[in-house]
Structure formats: C-alpha cells, structure tokens
Amino acid sequence: MIQTFAPKRPNWQRVMITVLGLGAAAGWSMFAVAGHSAAETERQLREQVADLRAG
C-alpha cells in the first residue's frame, strides 16, 4: 500500500477551501455574465444612436 506523506487537513480547512473555491467560481461566472450583458447593452445603444441619426 502506498503511504501518503502529506499531512491530512483538518475539517475546517477543507470547508474553507471548498467555500473559497465555490466563491471564486461564482465570482468569475458573474464577471462573464456581466461582460456579456454589457456588450449586449452597448450593441442596443449603438442601434438606437444609428436610428436617431438616420431619422
């Protein structure tokens, strides 16, 4: 049997690592959604400006 030499982490550290990892994933996801939303809003505003200039 292979023996690991890395010390086993206490439960509170495992919980903190999991919480921080999920928080990071959620943060990056919200950042991506916000970037997409901003691009969509900018596209709509450009269309409105083009319509106003044409009119």
PDB file of N, CA and C in Angstrom:
ATOM      1  N   MET A   1       0.838  -1.184   0.000  1.00  0.00           N
ATOM      2  CA  MET A   1       0.000   0.000   0.000  1.00  0.00           C
ATOM      3  C   MET A   1       0.883   1.248   0.000  1.00  0.00           C
ATOM      4  N   ILE A   2       0.483   2.233  -0.774  1.00  0.00           N
ATOM      5  CA  ILE A   2       1.258   3.472  -0.866  1.00  0.00           C
ATOM      6  C   ILE A   2       0.846   4.388   0.276  1.00  0.00           C
ATOM      7  N   GLN A   3       1.824   4.883   0.974  1.00  0.00           N
ATOM      8  CA  GLN A   3       1.556   5.765   2.101  1.00  0.00           C
ATOM      9  C   GLN A   3       1.781   7.212   1.669  1.00  0.00           C
ATOM     10  N   THR A   4       0.831   8.074   1.986  1.00  0.00           N
ATOM     11  CA  THR A   4       0.991   9.492   1.644  1.00  0.00           C
ATOM     12  C   THR A   4       1.716  10.191   2.778  1.00  0.00           C
ATOM     13  N   PHE A   5       2.569  11.115   2.421  1.00  0.00           N
ATOM     14  CA  PHE A   5       3.336  11.848   3.422  1.00  0.00           C
ATOM     15  C   PHE A   5       2.788  13.240   3.666  1.00  0.00           C
ATOM     16  N   ALA A   6       1.788  13.622   2.888  1.00  0.00           N
ATOM     17  CA  ALA A   6       1.180  14.936   3.079  1.00  0.00           C
ATOM     18  C   ALA A   6       0.298  14.889   4.331  1.00  0.00           C
ATOM     19  N   PRO A   7       0.390  15.913   5.170  1.00  0.00           N
ATOM     20  CA  PRO A   7      -0.454  15.918   6.366  1.00  0.00           C
ATOM     21  C   PRO A   7      -1.926  16.068   5.991  1.00  0.00           C
ATOM     22  N   LYS A   8      -2.771  15.398   6.734  1.00  0.00           N
ATOM     23  CA  LYS A   8      -4.207  15.475   6.474  1.00  0.00           C
ATOM     24  C   LYS A   8      -4.730  16.795   7.032  1.00  0.00           C
ATOM     25  N   ARG A   9      -5.526  17.508   6.236  1.00  0.00           N
ATOM     26  CA  ARG A   9      -6.049  18.805   6.661  1.00  0.00           C
ATOM     27  C   ARG A   9      -7.211  18.612   7.620  1.00  0.00           C
ATOM     28  N   PRO A  10      -7.320  19.518   8.592  1.00  0.00           N
ATOM     29  CA  PRO A  10      -8.496  19.472   9.473  1.00  0.00           C
ATOM     30  C   PRO A  10      -9.767  19.802   8.684  1.00  0.00           C
ATOM     31  N   ASN A  11     -10.897  19.407   9.209  1.00  0.00           N
ATOM     32  CA  ASN A  11     -12.168  19.606   8.505  1.00  0.00           C
ATOM     33  C   ASN A  11     -12.453  21.067   8.215  1.00  0.00           C
ATOM     34  N   TRP A  12     -12.137  21.968   9.146  1.00  0.00           N
ATOM     35  CA  TRP A  12     -12.447  23.376   8.916  1.00  0.00           C
ATOM     36  C   TRP A  12     -11.650  23.925   7.735  1.00  0.00           C
ATOM     37  N   GLN A  13     -10.441  23.417   7.515  1.00  0.00           N
ATOM     38  CA  GLN A  13      -9.657  23.878   6.365  1.00  0.00           C
ATOM     39  C   GLN A  13     -10.247  23.354   5.065  1.00  0.00           C
ATOM     40  N   ARG A  14     -10.727  22.121   5.075  1.00  0.00           N
ATOM     41  CA  ARG A  14     -11.378  21.581   3.883  1.00  0.00           C
ATOM     42  C   ARG A  14     -12.623  22.389   3.539  1.00  0.00           C
ATOM     43  N   VAL A  15     -13.387  22.739   4.561  1.00  0.00           N
ATOM     44  CA  VAL A  15     -14.597  23.528   4.340  1.00  0.00           C
ATOM     45  C   VAL A  15     -14.231  24.892   3.775  1.00  0.00           C
ATOM     46  N   MET A  16     -13.210  25.522   4.330  1.00  0.00           N
ATOM     47  CA  MET A  16     -12.803  26.846   3.850  1.00  0.00           C
ATOM     48  C   MET A  16     -12.303  26.783   2.406  1.00  0.00           C
ATOM     49  N   ILE A  17     -11.534  25.763   2.074  1.00  0.00           N
ATOM     50  CA  ILE A  17     -11.035  25.617   0.700  1.00  0.00           C
ATOM     51  C   ILE A  17     -12.208  25.436  -0.260  1.00  0.00           C
ATOM     52  N   THR A  18     -13.180  24.623   0.140  1.00  0.00           N
ATOM     53  CA  THR A  18     -14.351  24.395  -0.709  1.00  0.00           C
ATOM     54  C   THR A  18     -15.155  25.679  -0.884  1.00  0.00           C
ATOM     55  N   VAL A  19     -15.384  26.396   0.217  1.00  0.00           N
ATOM     56  CA  VAL A  19     -16.159  27.643   0.156  1.00  0.00           C
ATOM     57  C   VAL A  19     -15.448  28.677  -0.704  1.00  0.00           C
ATOM     58  N   LEU A  20     -14.147  28.822  -0.518  1.00  0.00           N
ATOM     59  CA  LEU A  20     -13.394  29.799  -1.313  1.00  0.00           C
ATOM     60  C   LEU A  20     -13.361  29.409  -2.793  1.00  0.00           C
ATOM     61  N   GLY A  21     -13.242  28.123  -3.067  1.00  0.00           N
ATOM     62  CA  GLY A  21     -13.255  27.663  -4.455  1.00  0.00           C
ATOM     63  C   GLY A  21     -14.589  27.929  -5.127  1.00  0.00           C
ATOM     64  N   LEU A  22     -15.675  27.616  -4.423  1.00  0.00           N
ATOM     65  CA  LEU A  22     -17.007  27.881  -4.985  1.00  0.00           C
ATOM     66  C   LEU A  22     -17.244  29.381  -5.145  1.00  0.00           C
ATOM     67  N   GLY A  23     -16.758  30.164  -4.192  1.00  0.00           N
ATOM     68  CA  GLY A  23     -16.897  31.620  -4.294  1.00  0.00           C
ATOM     69  C   GLY A  23     -16.140  32.171  -5.492  1.00  0.00           C
ATOM     70  N   ALA A  24     -14.951  31.641  -5.733  1.00  0.00           N
ATOM     71  CA  ALA A  24     -14.171  32.085  -6.895  1.00  0.00           C
ATOM     72  C   ALA A  24     -14.877  31.720  -8.200  1.00  0.00           C
ATOM     73  N   ALA A  25     -15.394  30.504  -8.261  1.00  0.00           N
ATOM     74  CA  ALA A  25     -16.114  30.075  -9.471  1.00  0.00           C
ATOM     75  C   ALA A  25     -17.351  30.945  -9.698  1.00  0.00           C
ATOM     76  N   ALA A  26     -18.077  31.229  -8.625  1.00  0.00           N
ATOM     77  CA  ALA A  26     -19.270  32.075  -8.756  1.00  0.00           C
ATOM     78  C   ALA A  26     -18.885  33.493  -9.179  1.00  0.00           C
ATOM     79  N   GLY A  27     -17.806  34.010  -8.630  1.00  0.00           N
ATOM     80  CA  GLY A  27     -17.354  35.354  -8.992  1.00  0.00           C
ATOM     81  C   GLY A  27     -16.974  35.463 -10.462  1.00  0.00           C
ATOM     82  N   TRP A  28     -16.209  34.486 -10.952  1.00  0.00           N
ATOM     83  CA  TRP A  28     -15.828  34.510 -12.359  1.00  0.00           C
ATOM     84  C   TRP A  28     -17.042  34.341 -13.258  1.00  0.00           C
ATOM     85  N   SER A  29     -17.999  33.534 -12.827  1.00  0.00           N
ATOM     86  CA  SER A  29     -19.226  33.353 -13.615  1.00  0.00           C
ATOM     87  C   SER A  29     -20.000  34.663 -13.707  1.00  0.00           C
ATOM     88  N   MET A  30     -20.131  35.362 -12.581  1.00  0.00           N
ATOM     89  CA  MET A  30     -20.839  36.646 -12.596  1.00  0.00           C
ATOM     90  C   MET A  30     -20.092  37.663 -13.448  1.00  0.00           C
ATOM     91  N   PHE A  31     -18.765  37.635 -13.416  1.00  0.00           N
ATOM     92  CA  PHE A  31     -17.962  38.535 -14.241  1.00  0.00           C
ATOM     93  C   PHE A  31     -18.223  38.274 -15.727  1.00  0.00           C
ATOM     94  N   ALA A  32     -18.290  37.001 -16.113  1.00  0.00           N
ATOM     95  CA  ALA A  32     -18.544  36.661 -17.508  1.00  0.00           C
ATOM     96  C   ALA A  32     -19.946  37.095 -17.933  1.00  0.00           C
ATOM     97  N   VAL A  33     -20.932  36.890 -17.070  1.00  0.00           N
ATOM     98  CA  VAL A  33     -22.306  37.291 -17.384  1.00  0.00           C
ATOM     99  C   VAL A  33     -22.398  38.805 -17.504  1.00  0.00           C
ATOM    100  N   ALA A  34     -21.728  39.521 -16.609  1.00  0.00           N
ATOM    101  CA  ALA A  34     -21.759  40.983 -16.657  1.00  0.00           C
ATOM    102  C   ALA A  34     -21.099  41.498 -17.937  1.00  0.00           C
ATOM    103  N   GLY A  35     -20.012  40.866 -18.349  1.00  0.00           N
ATOM    104  CA  GLY A  35     -19.350  41.268 -19.599  1.00  0.00           C
ATOM    105  C   GLY A  35     -20.240  41.049 -20.798  1.00  0.00           C
ATOM    106  N   HIS A  36     -20.926  39.927 -20.820  1.00  0.00           N
ATOM    107  CA  HIS A  36     -21.846  39.643 -21.927  1.00  0.00           C
ATOM    108  C   HIS A  36     -23.009  40.627 -21.915  1.00  0.00           C
ATOM    109  N   SER A  37     -23.528  40.923 -20.737  1.00  0.00           N
ATOM    110  CA  SER A  37     -24.651  41.842 -20.615  1.00  0.00           C
ATOM    111  C   SER A  37     -24.242  43.254 -21.058  1.00  0.00           C
ATOM    112  N   ALA A  38     -23.038  43.667 -20.685  1.00  0.00           N
ATOM    113  CA  ALA A  38     -22.564  44.992 -21.083  1.00  0.00           C
ATOM    114  C   ALA A  38     -22.409  45.085 -22.597  1.00  0.00           C
ATOM    115  N   ALA A  39     -21.922  44.019 -23.211  1.00  0.00           N
ATOM    116  CA  ALA A  39     -21.763  44.024 -24.664  1.00  0.00           C
ATOM    117  C   ALA A  39     -23.125  44.097 -25.353  1.00  0.00           C
ATOM    118  N   GLU A  40     -24.087  43.383 -24.817  1.00  0.00           N
ATOM    119  CA  GLU A  40     -25.439  43.417 -25.396  1.00  0.00           C
ATOM    120  C   GLU A  40     -26.060  44.806 -25.244  1.00  0.00           C
ATOM    121  N   THR A  41     -25.884  45.425 -24.096  1.00  0.00           N
ATOM    122  CA  THR A  41     -26.418  46.771 -23.862  1.00  0.00           C
ATOM    123  C   THR A  41     -25.761  47.770 -24.802  1.00  0.00           C
ATOM    124  N   GLU A  42     -24.446  47.644 -24.981  1.00  0.00           N
ATOM    125  CA  GLU A  42     -23.744  48.554 -25.884  1.00  0.00           C
ATOM    126  C   GLU A  42     -24.244  48.397 -27.315  1.00  0.00           C
ATOM    127  N   ARG A  43     -24.485  47.158 -27.735  1.00  0.00           N
ATOM    128  CA  ARG A  43     -24.997  46.917 -29.079  1.00  0.00           C
ATOM    129  C   ARG A  43     -26.360  47.576 -29.267  1.00  0.00           C
ATOM    130  N   GLN A  44     -27.240  47.455 -28.256  1.00  0.00           N
ATOM    131  CA  GLN A  44     -28.566  48.067 -28.346  1.00  0.00           C
ATOM    132  C   GLN A  44     -28.466  49.589 -28.400  1.00  0.00           C
ATOM    133  N   LEU A  45     -27.574  50.163 -27.615  1.00  0.00           N
ATOM    134  CA  LEU A  45     -27.412  51.618 -27.630  1.00  0.00           C
ATOM    135  C   LEU A  45     -26.869  52.103 -28.972  1.00  0.00           C
ATOM    136  N   ARG A  46     -25.951  51.348 -29.559  1.00  0.00           N
ATOM    137  CA  ARG A  46     -25.426  51.716 -30.875  1.00  0.00           C
ATOM    138  C   ARG A  46     -26.532  51.694 -31.925  1.00  0.00           C
ATOM    139  N   GLU A  47     -27.422  50.711 -31.835  1.00  0.00           N
ATOM    140  CA  GLU A  47     -28.553  50.651 -32.771  1.00  0.00           C
ATOM    141  C   GLU A  47     -29.469  51.848 -32.594  1.00  0.00           C
ATOM    142  N   GLN A  48     -29.711  52.259 -31.352  1.00  0.00           N
ATOM    143  CA  GLN A  48     -30.574  53.427 -31.093  1.00  0.00           C
ATOM    144  C   GLN A  48     -29.937  54.694 -31.645  1.00  0.00           C
ATOM    145  N   VAL A  49     -28.629  54.834 -31.458  1.00  0.00           N
ATOM    146  CA  VAL A  49     -27.935  56.014 -31.984  1.00  0.00           C
ATOM    147  C   VAL A  49     -28.018  56.031 -33.511  1.00  0.00           C
ATOM    148  N   ALA A  50     -27.829  54.867 -34.123  1.00  0.00           N
ATOM    149  CA  ALA A  50     -27.903  54.800 -35.586  1.00  0.00           C
ATOM    150  C   ALA A  50     -29.303  55.160 -36.072  1.00  0.00           C
ATOM    151  N   ASP A  51     -30.336  54.703 -35.363  1.00  0.00           N
ATOM    152  CA  ASP A  51     -31.716  55.039 -35.737  1.00  0.00           C
ATOM    153  C   ASP A  51     -31.968  56.538 -35.594  1.00  0.00           C
ATOM    154  N   LEU A  52     -31.446  57.139 -34.526  1.00  0.00           N
ATOM    155  CA  LEU A  52     -31.650  58.574 -34.316  1.00  0.00           C
ATOM    156  C   LEU A  52     -30.924  59.385 -35.389  1.00  0.00           C
ATOM    157  N   ARG A  53     -29.734  58.948 -35.761  1.00  0.00           N
ATOM    158  CA  ARG A  53     -29.006  59.662 -36.807  1.00  0.00           C
ATOM    159  C   ARG A  53     -29.701  59.525 -38.161  1.00  0.00           C
ATOM    160  N   ALA A  54     -30.275  58.369 -38.413  1.00  0.00           N
ATOM    161  CA  ALA A  54     -30.962  58.137 -39.678  1.00  0.00           C
ATOM    162  C   ALA A  54     -32.268  58.944 -39.750  1.00  0.00           C
ATOM    163  N   GLY A  55     -32.878  59.163 -38.565  1.00  0.00           N
ATOM    164  CA  GLY A  55     -34.161  59.870 -38.536  1.00  0.00           C
ATOM    165  C   GLY A  55     -33.936  61.326 -38.477  1.00  0.00           C
TER     166      GLY A  55
END
